[in-house]
Every structure is written in structure tokens, then in C-alpha cells.
Amino acid sequence: MTDERIAELYKIINTPIRVADEIIHSHESVIYDLAKKVETQREAMAELIEWLASKRNSNERA
């Protein structure tokens, strides 16, 4: 195998990784904002579930 072919194979292998890395870095703030929104969504869902459970428990006692 020639050095040129080895270099070509490395380029083929590394290109998707490099592109993905560029996408992640260029959209880092968007990804961070989305993660924060998902965290907030989870907290809201947990609060709602807790409230619904307490309502259910109070109705069962009545």
C-alpha cells in the first residue's frame, strides 16, 4: 500500500469525525440551550406528576 493511499484512507476515515466536530462547535450554544430546556421540561413534568399524585391521594382519602 502506498503512502498516498494510506493518506487518502486516513482522510476518508477522519472527514466525518472532523465535520461532526465542526457542527458541534458551531452549534454548541444551541445544543446547550436545548439541554437546558429539556432539563426544565423534566423539572416541570416532575412537579406536575407530584401535584397529580397528591390530588389523587387526597381524593382517595375523601
C-alpha atoms as a PDB file:
ATOM      1  CA  MET A   1       0.000   0.000   0.000  1.00  0.00           C
ATOM      2  CA  THR A   2       1.393   3.367  -0.962  1.00  0.00           C
ATOM      3  CA  ASP A   3       1.813   6.334   1.354  1.00  0.00           C
ATOM      4  CA  GLU A   4      -0.643   8.235  -0.829  1.00  0.00           C
ATOM      5  CA  ARG A   5      -3.298   5.553  -0.380  1.00  0.00           C
ATOM      6  CA  ILE A   6      -2.727   5.487   3.378  1.00  0.00           C
ATOM      7  CA  ALA A   7      -3.115   9.272   3.497  1.00  0.00           C
ATOM      8  CA  GLU A   8      -6.291   9.010   1.406  1.00  0.00           C
ATOM      9  CA  LEU A   9      -7.747   6.371   3.727  1.00  0.00           C
ATOM     10  CA  TYR A  10      -6.982   8.475   6.810  1.00  0.00           C
ATOM     11  CA  LYS A  11      -8.698  11.440   5.163  1.00  0.00           C
ATOM     12  CA  ILE A  12     -11.776   9.322   4.365  1.00  0.00           C
ATOM     13  CA  ILE A  13     -11.884   7.994   7.924  1.00  0.00           C
ATOM     14  CA  ASN A  14     -11.352  11.352   9.633  1.00  0.00           C
ATOM     15  CA  THR A  15     -13.616  13.553   7.496  1.00  0.00           C
ATOM     16  CA  PRO A  16     -16.939  12.579   9.152  1.00  0.00           C
ATOM     17  CA  ILE A  17     -15.358  12.998  12.591  1.00  0.00           C
ATOM     18  CA  ARG A  18     -13.998  16.431  11.665  1.00  0.00           C
ATOM     19  CA  VAL A  19     -17.310  17.529  10.159  1.00  0.00           C
ATOM     20  CA  ALA A  20     -19.250  16.327  13.203  1.00  0.00           C
ATOM     21  CA  ASP A  21     -16.826  18.182  15.470  1.00  0.00           C
ATOM     22  CA  GLU A  22     -17.281  21.376  13.428  1.00  0.00           C
ATOM     23  CA  ILE A  23     -21.071  21.038  13.613  1.00  0.00           C
ATOM     24  CA  ILE A  24     -20.981  20.507  17.370  1.00  0.00           C
ATOM     25  CA  HIS A  25     -18.737  23.520  17.935  1.00  0.00           C
ATOM     26  CA  SER A  26     -20.698  25.779  15.606  1.00  0.00           C
ATOM     27  CA  HIS A  27     -23.974  24.792  17.288  1.00  0.00           C
ATOM     28  CA  GLU A  28     -22.648  24.491  20.835  1.00  0.00           C
ATOM     29  CA  SER A  29     -24.860  27.270  22.207  1.00  0.00           C
ATOM     30  CA  VAL A  30     -27.940  25.786  20.517  1.00  0.00           C
ATOM     31  CA  ILE A  31     -27.154  22.358  21.971  1.00  0.00           C
ATOM     32  CA  TYR A  32     -26.626  23.904  25.428  1.00  0.00           C
ATOM     33  CA  ASP A  33     -29.915  25.830  25.204  1.00  0.00           C
ATOM     34  CA  LEU A  34     -31.757  22.682  24.152  1.00  0.00           C
ATOM     35  CA  ALA A  35     -30.241  20.736  27.053  1.00  0.00           C
ATOM     36  CA  LYS A  36     -31.371  23.448  29.493  1.00  0.00           C
ATOM     37  CA  LYS A  37     -34.895  23.371  28.038  1.00  0.00           C
ATOM     38  CA  VAL A  38     -35.034  19.593  28.378  1.00  0.00           C
ATOM     39  CA  GLU A  39     -33.873  19.903  31.988  1.00  0.00           C
ATOM     40  CA  THR A  40     -36.577  22.492  32.649  1.00  0.00           C
ATOM     41  CA  GLN A  41     -39.132  20.247  30.949  1.00  0.00           C
ATOM     42  CA  ARG A  42     -38.151  17.325  33.192  1.00  0.00           C
ATOM     43  CA  GLU A  43     -38.495  19.505  36.279  1.00  0.00           C
ATOM     44  CA  ALA A  44     -41.926  20.705  35.139  1.00  0.00           C
ATOM     45  CA  MET A  45     -43.072  17.154  34.454  1.00  0.00           C
ATOM     46  CA  ALA A  46     -41.855  16.003  37.877  1.00  0.00           C
ATOM     47  CA  GLU A  47     -43.688  18.881  39.566  1.00  0.00           C
ATOM     48  CA  LEU A  48     -46.897  18.134  37.667  1.00  0.00           C
ATOM     49  CA  ILE A  49     -46.692  14.406  38.446  1.00  0.00           C
ATOM     50  CA  GLU A  50     -46.127  15.183  42.124  1.00  0.00           C
ATOM     51  CA  TRP A  51     -49.126  17.522  42.155  1.00  0.00           C
ATOM     52  CA  LEU A  52     -51.344  14.990  40.365  1.00  0.00           C
ATOM     53  CA  ALA A  53     -50.286  12.274  42.800  1.00  0.00           C
ATOM     54  CA  SER A  54     -51.151  14.481  45.780  1.00  0.00           C
ATOM     55  CA  LYS A  55     -54.561  15.289  44.260  1.00  0.00           C
ATOM     56  CA  ARG A  56     -55.175  11.606  43.679  1.00  0.00           C
ATOM     57  CA  ASN A  57     -54.187  10.754  47.237  1.00  0.00           C
ATOM     58  CA  SER A  58     -56.441  13.472  48.679  1.00  0.00           C
ATOM     59  CA  ASN A  59     -59.368  12.250  46.538  1.00  0.00           C
ATOM     60  CA  GLU A  60     -58.820   8.665  47.693  1.00  0.00           C
ATOM     61  CA  ARG A  61     -58.951   9.783  51.324  1.00  0.00           C
ATOM     62  CA  ALA A  62     -62.214  11.697  50.787  1.00  0.00           C
END
